[in-house]
Amino acid sequence: MTASQYQTEAPADWFVDPAELGVPGVVAPEPAEEGLLGWQSEALCAQTDPEAFFPEKGGSTRDAKRICESCDVRAQCLEYALANDERFGIWGGLSERERRKLKKELQQQTA
């Protein structure tokens, strides 16, 4: 046999999950809970350059905010930043100064 006659890749169906086959004694794992930070896997910022979200002092936040505008988990991100007092970067489409102002407004509304 020559090298070209050998299969170089495993077939796509090489693995069959025994839980799906119903093999006795095999229990399917419980789906993982998303947890407190599960939203981060859906965040657009995780798919882009992180430096845009942590600009140097005086640097532009425009690009990061533009990405945040179309992000599906923007609300969760902002909620996380407010709850954890994130002091740096763009979170939920807001800068640290904007988050501080929002937090102050929210506190005044509840007082």
N, C-alpha and C. Protein backbone atom coordinates (compact mmCIF):
# COMPACT_ATOMS: atom_id res chain seq x y z
N MET A 1 0.83 -1.18 0.00
CA MET A 1 0.00 0.00 0.00
C MET A 1 0.87 1.24 0.00
N THR A 2 0.42 2.23 -0.71
CA THR A 2 1.16 3.49 -0.73
C THR A 2 0.50 4.48 0.22
N ALA A 3 1.22 5.54 0.52
CA ALA A 3 0.72 6.54 1.45
C ALA A 3 -0.56 7.19 0.95
N SER A 4 -0.72 7.34 -0.34
CA SER A 4 -1.91 8.00 -0.88
C SER A 4 -3.16 7.14 -0.71
N GLN A 5 -3.01 5.86 -0.40
CA GLN A 5 -4.16 4.99 -0.23
C GLN A 5 -4.73 5.04 1.19
N TYR A 6 -3.99 5.62 2.11
CA TYR A 6 -4.46 5.73 3.50
C TYR A 6 -5.37 6.95 3.64
N GLN A 7 -6.36 6.79 4.48
CA GLN A 7 -7.26 7.90 4.75
C GLN A 7 -6.54 8.89 5.67
N THR A 8 -6.54 10.16 5.28
CA THR A 8 -5.80 11.17 6.05
C THR A 8 -6.64 11.84 7.12
N GLU A 9 -7.96 11.74 7.04
CA GLU A 9 -8.82 12.37 8.04
C GLU A 9 -9.80 11.34 8.59
N ALA A 10 -10.23 11.58 9.81
CA ALA A 10 -11.25 10.72 10.40
C ALA A 10 -12.58 11.05 9.75
N PRO A 11 -13.42 10.07 9.52
CA PRO A 11 -14.73 10.37 8.94
C PRO A 11 -15.55 11.25 9.89
N ALA A 12 -16.44 12.05 9.34
CA ALA A 12 -17.24 12.99 10.13
C ALA A 12 -18.08 12.28 11.19
N ASP A 13 -18.47 11.05 10.93
CA ASP A 13 -19.33 10.33 11.88
C ASP A 13 -18.55 9.33 12.73
N TRP A 14 -17.30 9.59 12.99
CA TRP A 14 -16.46 8.62 13.71
C TRP A 14 -16.88 8.46 15.16
N PHE A 15 -17.47 9.50 15.77
CA PHE A 15 -17.85 9.42 17.17
C PHE A 15 -19.37 9.37 17.30
N VAL A 16 -19.85 8.42 18.04
CA VAL A 16 -21.27 8.32 18.34
C VAL A 16 -21.40 8.39 19.86
N ASP A 17 -22.17 9.36 20.33
CA ASP A 17 -22.35 9.56 21.76
C ASP A 17 -23.17 8.41 22.33
N PRO A 18 -22.62 7.64 23.28
CA PRO A 18 -23.36 6.51 23.84
C PRO A 18 -24.65 6.94 24.55
N ALA A 19 -24.69 8.18 25.06
CA ALA A 19 -25.92 8.66 25.71
C ALA A 19 -27.02 8.81 24.68
N GLU A 20 -26.66 9.24 23.47
CA GLU A 20 -27.66 9.39 22.41
C GLU A 20 -28.16 8.02 21.94
N LEU A 21 -27.32 7.01 22.02
CA LEU A 21 -27.72 5.66 21.62
C LEU A 21 -28.56 4.97 22.68
N GLY A 22 -28.56 5.55 23.89
CA GLY A 22 -29.34 4.93 24.97
C GLY A 22 -28.64 3.74 25.58
N VAL A 23 -27.32 3.75 25.59
CA VAL A 23 -26.55 2.65 26.18
C VAL A 23 -26.84 2.62 27.68
N PRO A 24 -27.24 1.46 28.21
CA PRO A 24 -27.57 1.36 29.64
C PRO A 24 -26.39 1.77 30.51
N GLY A 25 -26.69 2.55 31.55
CA GLY A 25 -25.65 2.98 32.49
C GLY A 25 -24.97 4.28 32.09
N VAL A 26 -25.23 4.76 30.87
CA VAL A 26 -24.61 6.01 30.43
C VAL A 26 -25.64 7.12 30.57
N VAL A 27 -25.29 8.12 31.34
CA VAL A 27 -26.20 9.23 31.59
C VAL A 27 -25.69 10.46 30.85
N ALA A 28 -26.59 11.12 30.15
CA ALA A 28 -26.22 12.35 29.45
C ALA A 28 -25.92 13.44 30.47
N PRO A 29 -24.88 14.22 30.24
CA PRO A 29 -24.56 15.29 31.19
C PRO A 29 -25.64 16.37 31.16
N GLU A 30 -25.83 16.99 32.30
CA GLU A 30 -26.78 18.11 32.39
C GLU A 30 -26.23 19.27 31.58
N PRO A 31 -27.10 20.02 30.92
CA PRO A 31 -26.60 21.19 30.21
C PRO A 31 -25.98 22.17 31.19
N ALA A 32 -24.86 22.74 30.79
CA ALA A 32 -24.15 23.67 31.66
C ALA A 32 -24.96 24.94 31.85
N GLU A 33 -24.97 25.40 33.08
CA GLU A 33 -25.63 26.67 33.34
C GLU A 33 -24.76 27.77 32.78
N GLU A 34 -25.41 28.81 32.30
CA GLU A 34 -24.65 29.92 31.74
C GLU A 34 -23.88 30.65 32.82
N GLY A 35 -24.41 30.69 34.00
CA GLY A 35 -23.72 31.39 35.08
C GLY A 35 -23.81 32.90 34.92
N LEU A 36 -23.14 33.59 35.79
CA LEU A 36 -23.20 35.04 35.80
C LEU A 36 -22.57 35.68 34.57
N LEU A 37 -21.59 35.02 34.00
CA LEU A 37 -20.88 35.61 32.86
C LEU A 37 -21.14 34.88 31.55
N GLY A 38 -22.19 34.08 31.50
CA GLY A 38 -22.51 33.34 30.29
C GLY A 38 -22.77 34.24 29.10
N TRP A 39 -23.25 35.45 29.34
CA TRP A 39 -23.53 36.39 28.27
C TRP A 39 -22.27 36.78 27.50
N GLN A 40 -21.11 36.66 28.13
CA GLN A 40 -19.87 37.10 27.47
C GLN A 40 -19.55 36.31 26.21
N SER A 41 -20.00 35.08 26.13
CA SER A 41 -19.72 34.29 24.93
C SER A 41 -20.50 34.82 23.73
N GLU A 42 -21.56 35.59 23.99
CA GLU A 42 -22.37 36.18 22.92
C GLU A 42 -21.94 37.60 22.59
N ALA A 43 -21.07 38.17 23.40
CA ALA A 43 -20.68 39.57 23.24
C ALA A 43 -19.85 39.80 21.98
N LEU A 44 -20.18 40.84 21.25
CA LEU A 44 -19.43 41.18 20.04
C LEU A 44 -18.01 41.62 20.36
N CYS A 45 -17.80 42.21 21.53
CA CYS A 45 -16.45 42.67 21.88
C CYS A 45 -15.49 41.50 22.01
N ALA A 46 -16.01 40.32 22.32
CA ALA A 46 -15.16 39.14 22.44
C ALA A 46 -14.64 38.69 21.08
N GLN A 47 -15.24 39.22 20.02
CA GLN A 47 -14.85 38.83 18.66
C GLN A 47 -14.05 39.93 17.97
N THR A 48 -13.72 40.98 18.70
CA THR A 48 -13.01 42.11 18.11
C THR A 48 -11.77 42.44 18.93
N ASP A 49 -11.09 43.49 18.52
CA ASP A 49 -9.88 43.93 19.20
C ASP A 49 -10.22 44.51 20.57
N PRO A 50 -9.74 43.89 21.65
CA PRO A 50 -10.08 44.39 22.98
C PRO A 50 -9.53 45.78 23.28
N GLU A 51 -8.50 46.19 22.58
CA GLU A 51 -7.92 47.50 22.83
C GLU A 51 -8.89 48.63 22.51
N ALA A 52 -9.83 48.38 21.60
CA ALA A 52 -10.83 49.40 21.26
C ALA A 52 -11.72 49.71 22.46
N PHE A 53 -11.89 48.75 23.36
CA PHE A 53 -12.77 48.92 24.52
C PHE A 53 -12.04 49.46 25.74
N PHE A 54 -10.74 49.59 25.64
CA PHE A 54 -9.93 50.15 26.71
C PHE A 54 -8.95 51.16 26.11
N PRO A 55 -9.50 52.27 25.59
CA PRO A 55 -8.63 53.25 24.93
C PRO A 55 -7.74 53.98 25.94
N GLU A 56 -6.64 54.49 25.44
CA GLU A 56 -5.74 55.30 26.27
C GLU A 56 -6.49 56.56 26.70
N LYS A 57 -6.04 57.19 27.76
CA LYS A 57 -6.69 58.41 28.24
C LYS A 57 -6.74 59.42 27.10
N GLY A 58 -7.93 59.93 26.84
CA GLY A 58 -8.12 60.88 25.76
C GLY A 58 -8.36 60.23 24.40
N GLY A 59 -8.26 58.90 24.35
CA GLY A 59 -8.47 58.18 23.10
C GLY A 59 -9.95 58.09 22.75
N SER A 60 -10.22 57.78 21.52
CA SER A 60 -11.60 57.71 21.04
C SER A 60 -12.30 56.43 21.50
N THR A 61 -13.55 56.60 21.88
CA THR A 61 -14.39 55.46 22.27
C THR A 61 -15.41 55.14 21.17
N ARG A 62 -15.35 55.87 20.09
CA ARG A 62 -16.34 55.76 19.02
C ARG A 62 -16.47 54.35 18.46
N ASP A 63 -15.35 53.71 18.13
CA ASP A 63 -15.40 52.36 17.53
C ASP A 63 -16.02 51.35 18.49
N ALA A 64 -15.64 51.41 19.75
CA ALA A 64 -16.18 50.47 20.74
C ALA A 64 -17.68 50.68 20.91
N LYS A 65 -18.10 51.92 21.00
CA LYS A 65 -19.53 52.21 21.18
C LYS A 65 -20.35 51.79 19.96
N ARG A 66 -19.76 51.91 18.79
CA ARG A 66 -20.45 51.48 17.57
C ARG A 66 -20.68 49.97 17.60
N ILE A 67 -19.71 49.23 18.07
CA ILE A 67 -19.85 47.77 18.19
C ILE A 67 -20.93 47.44 19.23
N CYS A 68 -20.91 48.16 20.34
CA CYS A 68 -21.89 47.92 21.41
C CYS A 68 -23.32 48.16 20.93
N GLU A 69 -23.51 49.13 20.04
CA GLU A 69 -24.86 49.46 19.57
C GLU A 69 -25.58 48.25 18.98
N SER A 70 -24.84 47.37 18.32
CA SER A 70 -25.48 46.22 17.67
C SER A 70 -25.30 44.91 18.44
N CYS A 71 -24.81 45.00 19.67
CA CYS A 71 -24.56 43.79 20.47
C CYS A 71 -25.83 43.34 21.17
N ASP A 72 -26.13 42.06 21.08
CA ASP A 72 -27.34 41.47 21.67
C ASP A 72 -27.30 41.41 23.20
N VAL A 73 -26.11 41.45 23.78
CA VAL A 73 -26.00 41.33 25.24
C VAL A 73 -25.55 42.64 25.90
N ARG A 74 -25.83 43.72 25.23
CA ARG A 74 -25.42 45.04 25.74
C ARG A 74 -26.00 45.31 27.13
N ALA A 75 -27.27 45.00 27.33
CA ALA A 75 -27.91 45.26 28.62
C ALA A 75 -27.25 44.45 29.74
N GLN A 76 -26.96 43.17 29.49
CA GLN A 76 -26.31 42.33 30.50
C GLN A 76 -24.91 42.86 30.82
N CYS A 77 -24.23 43.33 29.79
CA CYS A 77 -22.88 43.87 29.96
C CYS A 77 -22.92 45.11 30.85
N LEU A 78 -23.84 46.01 30.55
CA LEU A 78 -23.96 47.24 31.35
C LEU A 78 -24.36 46.91 32.78
N GLU A 79 -25.28 45.99 32.94
CA GLU A 79 -25.71 45.57 34.28
C GLU A 79 -24.52 45.02 35.08
N TYR A 80 -23.71 44.20 34.41
CA TYR A 80 -22.53 43.64 35.07
C TYR A 80 -21.57 44.75 35.49
N ALA A 81 -21.32 45.69 34.58
CA ALA A 81 -20.37 46.77 34.87
C ALA A 81 -20.85 47.63 36.03
N LEU A 82 -22.14 47.91 36.08
CA LEU A 82 -22.68 48.72 37.17
C LEU A 82 -22.62 47.96 38.49
N ALA A 83 -22.96 46.69 38.47
CA ALA A 83 -22.98 45.88 39.68
C ALA A 83 -21.58 45.64 40.23
N ASN A 84 -20.58 45.61 39.35
CA ASN A 84 -19.22 45.30 39.78
C ASN A 84 -18.30 46.52 39.77
N ASP A 85 -18.89 47.70 39.62
CA ASP A 85 -18.15 48.95 39.68
C ASP A 85 -16.91 48.95 38.77
N GLU A 86 -17.13 48.51 37.53
CA GLU A 86 -16.03 48.52 36.55
C GLU A 86 -15.59 49.95 36.31
N ARG A 87 -14.33 50.20 36.50
CA ARG A 87 -13.82 51.58 36.41
C ARG A 87 -13.09 51.88 35.12
N PHE A 88 -12.85 50.89 34.32
CA PHE A 88 -12.10 51.13 33.09
C PHE A 88 -12.83 50.51 31.90
N GLY A 89 -12.69 51.14 30.77
CA GLY A 89 -13.19 50.57 29.53
C GLY A 89 -14.64 50.90 29.22
N ILE A 90 -15.04 50.46 28.05
CA ILE A 90 -16.41 50.62 27.57
C ILE A 90 -17.16 49.34 27.91
N TRP A 91 -18.25 49.48 28.63
CA TRP A 91 -19.09 48.34 29.02
C TRP A 91 -20.53 48.72 28.72
N GLY A 92 -21.23 47.90 28.00
CA GLY A 92 -22.63 48.18 27.70
C GLY A 92 -22.81 49.45 26.89
N GLY A 93 -21.79 49.84 26.18
CA GLY A 93 -21.87 51.03 25.34
C GLY A 93 -21.59 52.33 26.06
N LEU A 94 -21.21 52.26 27.32
CA LEU A 94 -20.95 53.48 28.09
C LEU A 94 -19.51 53.51 28.61
N SER A 95 -18.96 54.71 28.67
CA SER A 95 -17.63 54.90 29.25
C SER A 95 -17.76 54.88 30.77
N GLU A 96 -16.64 54.90 31.45
CA GLU A 96 -16.65 54.88 32.91
C GLU A 96 -17.37 56.12 33.44
N ARG A 97 -17.12 57.26 32.85
CA ARG A 97 -17.77 58.51 33.27
C ARG A 97 -19.29 58.43 33.06
N GLU A 98 -19.71 57.88 31.92
CA GLU A 98 -21.14 57.74 31.64
C GLU A 98 -21.80 56.74 32.59
N ARG A 99 -21.10 55.68 32.92
CA ARG A 99 -21.65 54.70 33.87
C ARG A 99 -21.78 55.30 35.26
N ARG A 100 -20.80 56.09 35.65
CA ARG A 100 -20.83 56.73 36.96
C ARG A 100 -22.03 57.69 37.05
N LYS A 101 -22.26 58.45 35.98
CA LYS A 101 -23.40 59.37 35.93
C LYS A 101 -24.73 58.60 35.99
N LEU A 102 -24.82 57.51 35.21
CA LEU A 102 -26.03 56.69 35.20
C LEU A 102 -26.29 56.09 36.58
N LYS A 103 -25.25 55.59 37.21
CA LYS A 103 -25.39 54.99 38.53
C LYS A 103 -25.90 56.02 39.54
N LYS A 104 -25.38 57.24 39.46
CA LYS A 104 -25.82 58.31 40.34
C LYS A 104 -27.29 58.63 40.10
N GLU A 105 -27.71 58.69 38.82
CA GLU A 105 -29.11 58.95 38.49
C GLU A 105 -30.01 57.85 39.00
N LEU A 106 -29.58 56.60 38.87
CA LEU A 106 -30.38 55.46 39.35
C LEU A 106 -30.52 55.49 40.86
N GLN A 107 -29.46 55.88 41.55
CA GLN A 107 -29.51 55.97 43.01
C GLN A 107 -30.46 57.07 43.46
N GLN A 108 -30.48 58.18 42.73
CA GLN A 108 -31.39 59.29 43.07
C GLN A 108 -32.85 58.89 42.85
N GLN A 109 -33.10 58.07 41.84
CA GLN A 109 -34.47 57.64 41.56
C GLN A 109 -35.01 56.72 42.65
N THR A 110 -34.14 55.91 43.22
CA THR A 110 -34.57 54.96 44.25
C THR A 110 -34.59 55.57 45.65
N ALA A 111 -33.99 56.76 45.78
CA ALA A 111 -33.94 57.40 47.12
C ALA A 111 -35.22 58.12 47.45
